[in-house]
Amino acid sequence: MKKFILTLLAVVAMTFSSAAQSKITETSIEVDGLCGMCKKRIENAAYLPGVKKVNWDVETHQLNLVFRNDKVSKEEIIASINDAGHDVKGSIATDEQYANIHGCCRFRDPSQRASHGLGEALCTEDKK
């Protein structure tokens, strides 16, 4: 009987553990930007309630995310990043949103990209 109860408790614990884990999403998305100021803006925009971890890499332009999908969706995070003025692969910020970022962070400007050692913009309408 004692063995049965311990087995039952183990099954219940595993069930609750896997149910809690299924609410966690780990993903990465491509976000265009140039510098440390962009990094701060992108990460702040992505850090919505339910987001547990954000890290945007200046060199790879990958934003790594860990979030609770029962609290926030990937689409909401992307919309917030667009609102901050940054382009996400598959979701380009409007010209009005982009106009709000600092002048030195104009990642769509070819001369700004060149000054940071970058080629053409990563996230463009035709590269969705």
N, C-alpha and C. Protein backbone atom coordinates (compact mmCIF):
# COMPACT_ATOMS: atom_id res chain seq x y z
N MET A 1 0.82 -1.19 0.00
CA MET A 1 0.00 0.00 0.00
C MET A 1 0.87 1.27 0.00
N LYS A 2 1.93 1.24 0.81
CA LYS A 2 2.83 2.38 0.89
C LYS A 2 3.48 2.64 -0.46
N LYS A 3 3.86 1.57 -1.16
CA LYS A 3 4.48 1.68 -2.48
C LYS A 3 3.49 2.29 -3.48
N PHE A 4 2.23 1.89 -3.39
CA PHE A 4 1.19 2.41 -4.28
C PHE A 4 1.00 3.91 -4.08
N ILE A 5 0.96 4.36 -2.85
CA ILE A 5 0.77 5.78 -2.54
C ILE A 5 1.96 6.59 -3.04
N LEU A 6 3.18 6.09 -2.84
CA LEU A 6 4.37 6.79 -3.32
C LEU A 6 4.37 6.89 -4.85
N THR A 7 3.96 5.82 -5.51
CA THR A 7 3.88 5.84 -6.98
C THR A 7 2.83 6.84 -7.43
N LEU A 8 1.68 6.83 -6.78
CA LEU A 8 0.61 7.76 -7.12
C LEU A 8 1.07 9.21 -6.92
N LEU A 9 1.74 9.49 -5.82
CA LEU A 9 2.26 10.83 -5.57
C LEU A 9 3.27 11.25 -6.64
N ALA A 10 4.12 10.34 -7.05
CA ALA A 10 5.12 10.63 -8.10
C ALA A 10 4.43 10.96 -9.42
N VAL A 11 3.38 10.22 -9.77
CA VAL A 11 2.64 10.48 -11.02
C VAL A 11 1.97 11.85 -10.97
N VAL A 12 1.36 12.16 -9.83
CA VAL A 12 0.69 13.46 -9.67
C VAL A 12 1.72 14.58 -9.77
N ALA A 13 2.87 14.43 -9.14
CA ALA A 13 3.92 15.46 -9.19
C ALA A 13 4.42 15.67 -10.61
N MET A 14 4.61 14.58 -11.36
CA MET A 14 5.06 14.70 -12.75
C MET A 14 4.01 15.37 -13.61
N THR A 15 2.74 15.09 -13.35
CA THR A 15 1.66 15.70 -14.11
C THR A 15 1.64 17.21 -13.90
N PHE A 16 1.73 17.65 -12.64
CA PHE A 16 1.75 19.08 -12.36
C PHE A 16 3.00 19.74 -12.92
N SER A 17 4.12 19.06 -12.84
CA SER A 17 5.37 19.60 -13.35
C SER A 17 5.31 19.80 -14.87
N SER A 18 4.81 18.82 -15.59
CA SER A 18 4.75 18.95 -17.05
C SER A 18 3.68 19.96 -17.47
N ALA A 19 2.61 20.10 -16.69
CA ALA A 19 1.59 21.10 -17.00
C ALA A 19 2.16 22.51 -16.83
N ALA A 20 2.97 22.72 -15.80
CA ALA A 20 3.58 24.03 -15.59
C ALA A 20 4.60 24.33 -16.67
N GLN A 21 5.38 23.33 -17.08
CA GLN A 21 6.39 23.53 -18.10
C GLN A 21 5.79 23.83 -19.45
N SER A 22 4.62 23.30 -19.76
CA SER A 22 4.03 23.52 -21.07
C SER A 22 3.60 24.98 -21.26
N LYS A 23 3.54 25.74 -20.19
CA LYS A 23 3.18 27.15 -20.28
C LYS A 23 4.39 28.02 -20.64
N ILE A 24 5.58 27.46 -20.60
CA ILE A 24 6.80 28.20 -20.88
C ILE A 24 7.20 28.00 -22.34
N THR A 25 7.45 29.12 -23.03
CA THR A 25 7.91 29.08 -24.41
C THR A 25 9.29 29.70 -24.48
N GLU A 26 10.20 29.00 -25.14
CA GLU A 26 11.52 29.54 -25.42
C GLU A 26 11.63 29.67 -26.93
N THR A 27 12.00 30.86 -27.41
CA THR A 27 12.10 31.08 -28.85
C THR A 27 13.08 32.20 -29.11
N SER A 28 13.42 32.37 -30.36
CA SER A 28 14.22 33.53 -30.75
C SER A 28 13.62 34.12 -32.02
N ILE A 29 13.73 35.44 -32.12
CA ILE A 29 13.23 36.14 -33.29
C ILE A 29 14.31 37.13 -33.75
N GLU A 30 14.29 37.43 -35.03
CA GLU A 30 15.25 38.37 -35.59
C GLU A 30 14.68 39.78 -35.49
N VAL A 31 15.46 40.67 -34.87
CA VAL A 31 15.05 42.06 -34.67
C VAL A 31 16.18 42.94 -35.18
N ASP A 32 15.85 43.91 -36.03
CA ASP A 32 16.87 44.79 -36.58
C ASP A 32 17.17 45.93 -35.62
N GLY A 33 18.45 46.27 -35.51
CA GLY A 33 18.93 47.34 -34.67
C GLY A 33 20.42 47.50 -34.90
N LEU A 34 21.04 48.44 -34.19
CA LEU A 34 22.45 48.74 -34.44
C LEU A 34 23.36 48.65 -33.23
N CYS A 35 22.90 49.06 -32.08
CA CYS A 35 23.84 49.37 -31.01
C CYS A 35 23.29 49.00 -29.62
N GLY A 36 24.04 49.43 -28.62
CA GLY A 36 23.64 49.19 -27.24
C GLY A 36 22.35 49.90 -26.86
N MET A 37 22.13 51.10 -27.43
CA MET A 37 20.85 51.79 -27.17
C MET A 37 19.70 51.00 -27.77
N CYS A 38 19.91 50.44 -28.96
CA CYS A 38 18.88 49.60 -29.58
C CYS A 38 18.62 48.37 -28.71
N LYS A 39 19.68 47.77 -28.21
CA LYS A 39 19.55 46.59 -27.35
C LYS A 39 18.65 46.89 -26.17
N LYS A 40 18.93 48.02 -25.50
CA LYS A 40 18.14 48.38 -24.32
C LYS A 40 16.67 48.61 -24.71
N ARG A 41 16.44 49.32 -25.82
CA ARG A 41 15.07 49.62 -26.27
C ARG A 41 14.33 48.34 -26.65
N ILE A 42 14.99 47.45 -27.38
CA ILE A 42 14.37 46.19 -27.81
C ILE A 42 14.03 45.32 -26.60
N GLU A 43 14.99 45.16 -25.71
CA GLU A 43 14.77 44.31 -24.54
C GLU A 43 13.69 44.89 -23.63
N ASN A 44 13.68 46.20 -23.44
CA ASN A 44 12.63 46.82 -22.62
C ASN A 44 11.25 46.63 -23.25
N ALA A 45 11.17 46.77 -24.58
CA ALA A 45 9.90 46.60 -25.27
C ALA A 45 9.41 45.16 -25.18
N ALA A 46 10.33 44.22 -25.22
CA ALA A 46 9.96 42.80 -25.18
C ALA A 46 9.60 42.33 -23.78
N TYR A 47 10.05 43.05 -22.77
CA TYR A 47 9.86 42.59 -21.39
C TYR A 47 8.48 42.98 -20.87
N LEU A 48 7.46 42.30 -21.39
CA LEU A 48 6.08 42.49 -20.98
C LEU A 48 5.76 41.57 -19.81
N PRO A 49 4.65 41.80 -19.10
CA PRO A 49 4.26 40.87 -18.04
C PRO A 49 4.12 39.45 -18.61
N GLY A 50 4.77 38.51 -17.96
CA GLY A 50 4.77 37.13 -18.42
C GLY A 50 6.06 36.74 -19.12
N VAL A 51 6.86 37.74 -19.49
CA VAL A 51 8.17 37.47 -20.10
C VAL A 51 9.17 37.27 -18.97
N LYS A 52 9.88 36.17 -19.02
CA LYS A 52 10.82 35.82 -17.96
C LYS A 52 12.26 36.18 -18.29
N LYS A 53 12.60 36.13 -19.58
CA LYS A 53 13.99 36.38 -19.97
C LYS A 53 14.02 36.96 -21.38
N VAL A 54 14.84 37.99 -21.57
CA VAL A 54 15.07 38.57 -22.89
C VAL A 54 16.55 38.84 -23.05
N ASN A 55 17.06 38.62 -24.24
CA ASN A 55 18.44 38.96 -24.54
C ASN A 55 18.57 39.15 -26.04
N TRP A 56 18.86 40.40 -26.45
CA TRP A 56 19.08 40.70 -27.87
C TRP A 56 20.57 40.80 -28.10
N ASP A 57 21.06 40.06 -29.10
CA ASP A 57 22.46 40.06 -29.44
C ASP A 57 22.72 41.08 -30.54
N VAL A 58 23.58 42.05 -30.28
CA VAL A 58 23.87 43.12 -31.22
C VAL A 58 24.43 42.58 -32.53
N GLU A 59 25.25 41.54 -32.46
CA GLU A 59 25.90 41.03 -33.68
C GLU A 59 24.99 40.12 -34.50
N THR A 60 24.25 39.26 -33.86
CA THR A 60 23.41 38.30 -34.61
C THR A 60 22.01 38.82 -34.85
N HIS A 61 21.60 39.83 -34.10
CA HIS A 61 20.26 40.42 -34.18
C HIS A 61 19.17 39.44 -33.71
N GLN A 62 19.56 38.42 -32.98
CA GLN A 62 18.61 37.46 -32.45
C GLN A 62 18.17 37.88 -31.06
N LEU A 63 16.86 37.92 -30.87
CA LEU A 63 16.28 38.19 -29.55
C LEU A 63 15.83 36.85 -28.99
N ASN A 64 16.49 36.41 -27.94
CA ASN A 64 16.11 35.16 -27.28
C ASN A 64 15.12 35.49 -26.18
N LEU A 65 14.02 34.74 -26.19
CA LEU A 65 12.92 34.99 -25.27
C LEU A 65 12.54 33.73 -24.51
N VAL A 66 12.16 33.92 -23.27
CA VAL A 66 11.50 32.89 -22.47
C VAL A 66 10.29 33.58 -21.87
N PHE A 67 9.10 33.03 -22.14
CA PHE A 67 7.89 33.68 -21.64
C PHE A 67 6.81 32.65 -21.33
N ARG A 68 5.87 33.08 -20.50
CA ARG A 68 4.70 32.25 -20.17
C ARG A 68 3.64 32.52 -21.21
N ASN A 69 3.34 31.50 -22.02
CA ASN A 69 2.38 31.68 -23.11
C ASN A 69 0.93 31.78 -22.62
N ASP A 70 0.70 31.57 -21.34
CA ASP A 70 -0.63 31.79 -20.80
C ASP A 70 -0.80 33.23 -20.32
N LYS A 71 0.29 34.01 -20.32
CA LYS A 71 0.26 35.41 -19.88
C LYS A 71 0.46 36.39 -21.04
N VAL A 72 1.26 36.00 -22.03
CA VAL A 72 1.59 36.89 -23.14
C VAL A 72 1.88 36.02 -24.37
N SER A 73 1.60 36.57 -25.53
CA SER A 73 1.86 35.82 -26.77
C SER A 73 3.07 36.40 -27.50
N LYS A 74 3.63 35.59 -28.36
CA LYS A 74 4.74 36.04 -29.19
C LYS A 74 4.32 37.25 -30.03
N GLU A 75 3.09 37.23 -30.52
CA GLU A 75 2.57 38.32 -31.33
C GLU A 75 2.50 39.63 -30.53
N GLU A 76 2.12 39.54 -29.26
CA GLU A 76 2.08 40.74 -28.41
C GLU A 76 3.49 41.30 -28.19
N ILE A 77 4.44 40.42 -28.02
CA ILE A 77 5.83 40.85 -27.83
C ILE A 77 6.33 41.54 -29.09
N ILE A 78 6.06 40.94 -30.25
CA ILE A 78 6.47 41.52 -31.52
C ILE A 78 5.82 42.89 -31.72
N ALA A 79 4.54 43.02 -31.41
CA ALA A 79 3.84 44.29 -31.54
C ALA A 79 4.47 45.35 -30.65
N SER A 80 4.89 44.99 -29.46
CA SER A 80 5.53 45.93 -28.55
C SER A 80 6.89 46.38 -29.09
N ILE A 81 7.62 45.46 -29.69
CA ILE A 81 8.91 45.81 -30.30
C ILE A 81 8.70 46.74 -31.49
N ASN A 82 7.68 46.46 -32.30
CA ASN A 82 7.34 47.36 -33.40
C ASN A 82 6.95 48.74 -32.86
N ASP A 83 6.17 48.79 -31.80
CA ASP A 83 5.77 50.06 -31.19
C ASP A 83 7.00 50.87 -30.75
N ALA A 84 8.06 50.17 -30.37
CA ALA A 84 9.30 50.84 -29.96
C ALA A 84 10.10 51.32 -31.16
N GLY A 85 9.66 50.96 -32.38
CA GLY A 85 10.31 51.44 -33.60
C GLY A 85 11.21 50.46 -34.30
N HIS A 86 11.26 49.22 -33.83
CA HIS A 86 12.17 48.24 -34.43
C HIS A 86 11.42 47.24 -35.31
N ASP A 87 12.11 46.85 -36.38
CA ASP A 87 11.57 45.85 -37.30
C ASP A 87 11.88 44.45 -36.79
N VAL A 88 10.89 43.60 -36.91
CA VAL A 88 11.03 42.18 -36.57
C VAL A 88 10.82 41.42 -37.87
N LYS A 89 11.59 40.37 -38.08
CA LYS A 89 11.41 39.59 -39.29
C LYS A 89 9.96 39.14 -39.38
N GLY A 90 9.30 39.56 -40.46
CA GLY A 90 7.89 39.22 -40.64
C GLY A 90 6.93 40.28 -40.14
N SER A 91 7.45 41.31 -39.46
CA SER A 91 6.60 42.37 -38.93
C SER A 91 7.40 43.68 -38.87
N ILE A 92 7.22 44.49 -39.88
CA ILE A 92 7.97 45.73 -40.00
C ILE A 92 7.25 46.85 -39.25
N ALA A 93 8.02 47.63 -38.48
CA ALA A 93 7.45 48.79 -37.77
C ALA A 93 6.96 49.81 -38.80
N THR A 94 5.91 50.53 -38.45
CA THR A 94 5.42 51.58 -39.34
C THR A 94 6.44 52.70 -39.39
N ASP A 95 6.34 53.54 -40.41
CA ASP A 95 7.23 54.69 -40.52
C ASP A 95 7.08 55.61 -39.31
N GLU A 96 5.87 55.74 -38.82
CA GLU A 96 5.61 56.57 -37.64
C GLU A 96 6.30 55.99 -36.40
N GLN A 97 6.22 54.67 -36.22
CA GLN A 97 6.89 54.03 -35.09
C GLN A 97 8.41 54.18 -35.21
N TYR A 98 8.93 53.94 -36.41
CA TYR A 98 10.37 54.04 -36.66
C TYR A 98 10.88 55.45 -36.42
N ALA A 99 10.08 56.45 -36.74
CA ALA A 99 10.49 57.86 -36.60
C ALA A 99 10.75 58.24 -35.15
N ASN A 100 10.25 57.47 -34.20
CA ASN A 100 10.41 57.79 -32.79
C ASN A 100 11.74 57.35 -32.18
N ILE A 101 12.53 56.55 -32.92
CA ILE A 101 13.79 56.11 -32.34
C ILE A 101 14.86 57.18 -32.53
N HIS A 102 15.88 57.14 -31.73
CA HIS A 102 16.95 58.12 -31.74
C HIS A 102 17.66 58.13 -33.10
N GLY A 103 18.13 59.28 -33.52
CA GLY A 103 18.77 59.45 -34.82
C GLY A 103 19.95 58.53 -35.08
N CYS A 104 20.74 58.24 -34.05
CA CYS A 104 21.91 57.37 -34.25
C CYS A 104 21.51 55.90 -34.35
N CYS A 105 20.25 55.60 -34.11
CA CYS A 105 19.77 54.21 -34.15
C CYS A 105 18.98 53.91 -35.42
N ARG A 106 19.08 54.75 -36.42
CA ARG A 106 18.31 54.59 -37.66
C ARG A 106 18.88 53.41 -38.47
N PHE A 107 18.48 52.22 -38.07
CA PHE A 107 19.02 51.00 -38.67
C PHE A 107 18.60 50.80 -40.11
N ARG A 108 17.61 51.51 -40.62
CA ARG A 108 17.21 51.41 -42.02
C ARG A 108 18.10 52.28 -42.92
N ASP A 109 18.79 53.23 -42.34
CA ASP A 109 19.64 54.16 -43.08
C ASP A 109 20.94 53.45 -43.49
N PRO A 110 21.20 53.34 -44.81
CA PRO A 110 22.40 52.63 -45.28
C PRO A 110 23.70 53.21 -44.71
N SER A 111 23.79 54.52 -44.54
CA SER A 111 25.02 55.11 -44.01
C SER A 111 25.21 54.74 -42.53
N GLN A 112 24.13 54.70 -41.77
CA GLN A 112 24.21 54.29 -40.35
C GLN A 112 24.63 52.82 -40.27
N ARG A 113 24.05 51.98 -41.12
CA ARG A 113 24.39 50.56 -41.13
C ARG A 113 25.87 50.39 -41.48
N ALA A 114 26.34 51.13 -42.48
CA ALA A 114 27.74 51.04 -42.89
C ALA A 114 28.67 51.48 -41.77
N SER A 115 28.28 52.52 -41.02
CA SER A 115 29.13 52.99 -39.92
C SER A 115 29.23 51.96 -38.79
N HIS A 116 28.29 51.03 -38.76
CA HIS A 116 28.32 49.94 -37.77
C HIS A 116 28.84 48.64 -38.38
N GLY A 117 29.33 48.72 -39.62
CA GLY A 117 29.89 47.54 -40.28
C GLY A 117 28.84 46.56 -40.76
N LEU A 118 27.64 47.05 -41.04
CA LEU A 118 26.56 46.16 -41.47
C LEU A 118 26.21 46.40 -42.92
N GLY A 119 25.67 45.40 -43.57
CA GLY A 119 25.19 45.52 -44.93
C GLY A 119 23.77 46.02 -44.93
N GLU A 120 22.95 45.49 -45.84
CA GLU A 120 21.57 45.94 -45.92
C GLU A 120 20.74 45.47 -44.73
N ALA A 121 19.62 46.13 -44.51
CA ALA A 121 18.73 45.80 -43.38
C ALA A 121 18.32 44.34 -43.43
N LEU A 122 18.26 43.73 -42.26
CA LEU A 122 17.91 42.31 -42.17
C LEU A 122 16.42 42.06 -42.37
N CYS A 123 15.62 42.90 -41.77
CA CYS A 123 14.17 42.70 -41.77
C CYS A 123 13.54 43.71 -42.70
N THR A 124 13.29 43.31 -43.93
CA THR A 124 12.65 44.19 -44.89
C THR A 124 11.35 43.57 -45.34
N GLU A 125 10.51 44.35 -45.97
CA GLU A 125 9.20 43.86 -46.44
C GLU A 125 9.33 42.61 -47.29
N ASP A 126 10.34 42.58 -48.17
CA ASP A 126 10.48 41.43 -49.06
C ASP A 126 11.19 40.26 -48.43
N LYS A 127 11.68 40.40 -47.18
CA LYS A 127 12.37 39.31 -46.48
C LYS A 127 11.54 38.78 -45.33
N LYS A 128 10.26 38.90 -45.41
CA LYS A 128 9.37 38.42 -44.33
C LYS A 128 9.55 36.93 -44.21
